[in-house]
Amino acid sequence: MGPRISRAVQARWQGNLHELQVGKLVATLVGDNEFDHPFWVAKILEIMKNEQNNQLKSVVVHWYHTSSPDAFIGKYCLEMVKDVDDTIKKRGRKNLRTAISTLTLDFVDILVYDISLTKTCHLRQTTIKIY
């Protein structure tokens, strides 16, 4: 059984995704993950539309993560992943790159959009109440 979502989230989820904007944060529905979090948070970097009918096709996002077992109270940081090309090493540093993905909106459910984090990088109470 998947995670349950509130009626407020269901109403927002069925809202107008044309309101998505570059630079805004979104929460997406997830399947299995190590902490069993009900959602993931990402920042929209680019919005792609179908050229023929101007419908939203996909979004490019930079993922956020929290190592807290509770997604509602954890501190969120931009996700960085080890670069695929390990042959180039600079002064002993690990090569990291941003965790960026393209989400095809036919296959990914955006639960809540236009959310923000607090100064301490936690979810705002208004966002938590929506979920």
C-alpha atoms as a PDB file:
ATOM      1  CA  MET A   1       0.000   0.000   0.000  1.00  0.00           C
ATOM      2  CA  GLY A   2       1.372   3.435  -0.988  1.00  0.00           C
ATOM      3  CA  PRO A   3       1.525   6.511   1.208  1.00  0.00           C
ATOM      4  CA  ARG A   4      -1.761   8.222   2.047  1.00  0.00           C
ATOM      5  CA  ILE A   5      -2.203  11.842   1.123  1.00  0.00           C
ATOM      6  CA  SER A   6      -4.582  14.402   2.582  1.00  0.00           C
ATOM      7  CA  ARG A   7      -7.541  15.901   0.731  1.00  0.00           C
ATOM      8  CA  ALA A   8      -5.702  19.221   0.502  1.00  0.00           C
ATOM      9  CA  VAL A   9      -2.818  17.516  -1.284  1.00  0.00           C
ATOM     10  CA  GLN A  10      -5.225  15.662  -3.564  1.00  0.00           C
ATOM     11  CA  ALA A  11      -6.876  18.972  -4.516  1.00  0.00           C
ATOM     12  CA  ARG A  12      -3.485  20.621  -5.121  1.00  0.00           C
ATOM     13  CA  TRP A  13      -2.244  17.527  -6.967  1.00  0.00           C
ATOM     14  CA  GLN A  14      -5.150  17.797  -9.379  1.00  0.00           C
ATOM     15  CA  GLY A  15      -4.474  21.529  -9.755  1.00  0.00           C
ATOM     16  CA  ASN A  16      -3.134  23.364 -12.751  1.00  0.00           C
ATOM     17  CA  LEU A  17       0.464  22.281 -13.343  1.00  0.00           C
ATOM     18  CA  HIS A  18       0.811  25.183 -15.762  1.00  0.00           C
ATOM     19  CA  GLU A  19       1.503  27.189 -12.602  1.00  0.00           C
ATOM     20  CA  LEU A  20       4.891  25.469 -12.260  1.00  0.00           C
ATOM     21  CA  GLN A  21       7.754  27.962 -12.405  1.00  0.00           C
ATOM     22  CA  VAL A  22      11.516  27.735 -12.734  1.00  0.00           C
ATOM     23  CA  GLY A  23      13.173  28.169  -9.345  1.00  0.00           C
ATOM     24  CA  LYS A  24      10.204  26.867  -7.352  1.00  0.00           C
ATOM     25  CA  LEU A  25      10.258  23.763  -5.169  1.00  0.00           C
ATOM     26  CA  VAL A  26       7.922  20.820  -5.700  1.00  0.00           C
ATOM     27  CA  ALA A  27       7.162  17.645  -3.762  1.00  0.00           C
ATOM     28  CA  THR A  28       6.783  14.448  -5.785  1.00  0.00           C
ATOM     29  CA  LEU A  29       5.170  11.149  -4.872  1.00  0.00           C
ATOM     30  CA  VAL A  30       7.734   8.377  -4.388  1.00  0.00           C
ATOM     31  CA  GLY A  31       7.846   4.638  -4.313  1.00  0.00           C
ATOM     32  CA  ASP A  32      10.367   2.676  -2.296  1.00  0.00           C
ATOM     33  CA  ASN A  33      13.233   4.542  -0.662  1.00  0.00           C
ATOM     34  CA  GLU A  34      15.617   3.808   2.185  1.00  0.00           C
ATOM     35  CA  PHE A  35      13.749   5.914   4.767  1.00  0.00           C
ATOM     36  CA  ASP A  36      10.245   5.161   3.471  1.00  0.00           C
ATOM     37  CA  HIS A  37       9.621   8.882   2.893  1.00  0.00           C
ATOM     38  CA  PRO A  38       6.216   9.659   1.335  1.00  0.00           C
ATOM     39  CA  PHE A  39       7.616  12.377  -0.968  1.00  0.00           C
ATOM     40  CA  TRP A  40      10.794  13.866  -2.441  1.00  0.00           C
ATOM     41  CA  VAL A  41      11.580  17.551  -2.813  1.00  0.00           C
ATOM     42  CA  ALA A  42      13.122  19.087  -5.929  1.00  0.00           C
ATOM     43  CA  LYS A  43      13.804  22.530  -7.396  1.00  0.00           C
ATOM     44  CA  ILE A  44      12.617  23.198 -10.948  1.00  0.00           C
ATOM     45  CA  LEU A  45      15.479  24.198 -13.228  1.00  0.00           C
ATOM     46  CA  GLU A  46      13.725  24.048 -16.597  1.00  0.00           C
ATOM     47  CA  ILE A  47      10.213  23.511 -17.947  1.00  0.00           C
ATOM     48  CA  MET A  48       9.726  21.790 -21.298  1.00  0.00           C
ATOM     49  CA  LYS A  49       6.526  21.982 -23.307  1.00  0.00           C
ATOM     50  CA  ASN A  50       5.218  20.091 -26.309  1.00  0.00           C
ATOM     51  CA  GLU A  51       5.810  22.311 -29.347  1.00  0.00           C
ATOM     52  CA  GLN A  52       2.543  21.368 -31.091  1.00  0.00           C
ATOM     53  CA  ASN A  53       0.019  22.004 -28.313  1.00  0.00           C
ATOM     54  CA  ASN A  54       2.107  23.952 -25.741  1.00  0.00           C
ATOM     55  CA  GLN A  55       1.247  21.361 -23.044  1.00  0.00           C
ATOM     56  CA  LEU A  56       3.699  20.692 -20.236  1.00  0.00           C
ATOM     57  CA  LYS A  57       5.806  17.700 -21.146  1.00  0.00           C
ATOM     58  CA  SER A  58       8.531  17.510 -18.508  1.00  0.00           C
ATOM     59  CA  VAL A  59      10.566  19.416 -15.962  1.00  0.00           C
ATOM     60  CA  VAL A  60      14.267  19.329 -15.169  1.00  0.00           C
ATOM     61  CA  VAL A  61      14.856  19.305 -11.418  1.00  0.00           C
ATOM     62  CA  HIS A  62      17.689  19.399  -8.917  1.00  0.00           C
ATOM     63  CA  TRP A  63      16.847  17.031  -6.076  1.00  0.00           C
ATOM     64  CA  TYR A  64      16.974  17.841  -2.386  1.00  0.00           C
ATOM     65  CA  HIS A  65      17.536  15.183   0.269  1.00  0.00           C
ATOM     66  CA  THR A  66      17.289  14.742   3.974  1.00  0.00           C
ATOM     67  CA  SER A  67      19.029  12.048   5.942  1.00  0.00           C
ATOM     68  CA  SER A  68      16.364  12.253   8.629  1.00  0.00           C
ATOM     69  CA  PRO A  69      14.051   9.256   8.912  1.00  0.00           C
ATOM     70  CA  ASP A  70      11.159  11.755   9.164  1.00  0.00           C
ATOM     71  CA  ALA A  71      10.715  13.699   5.907  1.00  0.00           C
ATOM     72  CA  PHE A  72       8.560  16.279   7.691  1.00  0.00           C
ATOM     73  CA  ILE A  73      11.157  17.449  10.212  1.00  0.00           C
ATOM     74  CA  GLY A  74      14.442  16.743   8.409  1.00  0.00           C
ATOM     75  CA  LYS A  75      16.843  19.388   7.151  1.00  0.00           C
ATOM     76  CA  TYR A  76      16.959  19.498   3.332  1.00  0.00           C
ATOM     77  CA  CYS A  77      20.137  19.974   1.308  1.00  0.00           C
ATOM     78  CA  LEU A  78      20.766  19.962  -2.413  1.00  0.00           C
ATOM     79  CA  GLU A  79      21.627  16.418  -3.485  1.00  0.00           C
ATOM     80  CA  MET A  80      25.123  15.864  -4.846  1.00  0.00           C
ATOM     81  CA  VAL A  81      26.234  12.596  -6.402  1.00  0.00           C
ATOM     82  CA  LYS A  82      29.601  11.152  -7.261  1.00  0.00           C
ATOM     83  CA  ASP A  83      30.591  11.970 -10.824  1.00  0.00           C
ATOM     84  CA  VAL A  84      30.637   9.048 -13.228  1.00  0.00           C
ATOM     85  CA  ASP A  85      34.086  10.033 -14.516  1.00  0.00           C
ATOM     86  CA  ASP A  86      36.386   9.132 -11.607  1.00  0.00           C
ATOM     87  CA  THR A  87      39.526   9.303 -13.766  1.00  0.00           C
ATOM     88  CA  ILE A  88      39.909  13.042 -13.171  1.00  0.00           C
ATOM     89  CA  LYS A  89      40.884  13.792  -9.591  1.00  0.00           C
ATOM     90  CA  LYS A  90      41.721  17.296  -8.443  1.00  0.00           C
ATOM     91  CA  ARG A  91      43.887  17.598  -5.336  1.00  0.00           C
ATOM     92  CA  GLY A  92      42.333  14.542  -3.713  1.00  0.00           C
ATOM     93  CA  ARG A  93      38.772  15.926  -3.819  1.00  0.00           C
ATOM     94  CA  LYS A  94      35.864  13.731  -4.733  1.00  0.00           C
ATOM     95  CA  ASN A  95      34.253  14.709  -8.002  1.00  0.00           C
ATOM     96  CA  LEU A  96      30.670  15.594  -7.197  1.00  0.00           C
ATOM     97  CA  ARG A  97      27.944  16.867  -9.459  1.00  0.00           C
ATOM     98  CA  THR A  98      24.419  18.037  -8.885  1.00  0.00           C
ATOM     99  CA  ALA A  99      21.688  15.387  -8.816  1.00  0.00           C
ATOM    100  CA  ILE A 100      19.598  16.538 -11.752  1.00  0.00           C
ATOM    101  CA  SER A 101      16.796  14.579 -13.427  1.00  0.00           C
ATOM    102  CA  THR A 102      14.245  15.155 -16.123  1.00  0.00           C
ATOM    103  CA  LEU A 103      10.770  14.250 -14.897  1.00  0.00           C
ATOM    104  CA  THR A 104       8.269  13.327 -17.578  1.00  0.00           C
ATOM    105  CA  LEU A 105       4.942  14.498 -16.218  1.00  0.00           C
ATOM    106  CA  ASP A 106       3.158  11.479 -17.719  1.00  0.00           C
ATOM    107  CA  PHE A 107       5.091   9.243 -15.308  1.00  0.00           C
ATOM    108  CA  VAL A 108       5.756  11.426 -12.235  1.00  0.00           C
ATOM    109  CA  ASP A 109       3.152  12.781  -9.849  1.00  0.00           C
ATOM    110  CA  ILE A 110       3.835  16.261  -8.512  1.00  0.00           C
ATOM    111  CA  LEU A 111       1.931  16.446  -5.224  1.00  0.00           C
ATOM    112  CA  VAL A 112       2.561  20.008  -4.155  1.00  0.00           C
ATOM    113  CA  TYR A 113       4.222  22.850  -6.002  1.00  0.00           C
ATOM    114  CA  ASP A 114       5.441  26.319  -5.099  1.00  0.00           C
ATOM    115  CA  ILE A 115       6.688  25.310  -1.657  1.00  0.00           C
ATOM    116  CA  SER A 116       9.632  26.866   0.148  1.00  0.00           C
ATOM    117  CA  LEU A 117      12.042  25.936   2.889  1.00  0.00           C
ATOM    118  CA  THR A 118      12.781  27.880   6.058  1.00  0.00           C
ATOM    119  CA  LYS A 119      16.098  29.688   6.590  1.00  0.00           C
ATOM    120  CA  THR A 120      17.304  26.542   8.354  1.00  0.00           C
ATOM    121  CA  CYS A 121      16.322  24.395   5.316  1.00  0.00           C
ATOM    122  CA  HIS A 122      13.316  22.665   6.861  1.00  0.00           C
ATOM    123  CA  LEU A 123       9.805  22.360   5.455  1.00  0.00           C
ATOM    124  CA  ARG A 124       7.505  25.182   6.480  1.00  0.00           C
ATOM    125  CA  GLN A 125       4.568  24.362   8.750  1.00  0.00           C
ATOM    126  CA  THR A 126       2.169  25.501   5.992  1.00  0.00           C
ATOM    127  CA  THR A 127       3.658  22.861   3.672  1.00  0.00           C
ATOM    128  CA  ILE A 128       3.478  20.167   6.347  1.00  0.00           C
ATOM    129  CA  LYS A 129      -0.172  21.012   7.031  1.00  0.00           C
ATOM    130  CA  ILE A 130      -0.997  20.642   3.321  1.00  0.00           C
ATOM    131  CA  TYR A 131       0.350  17.112   3.294  1.00  0.00           C
END
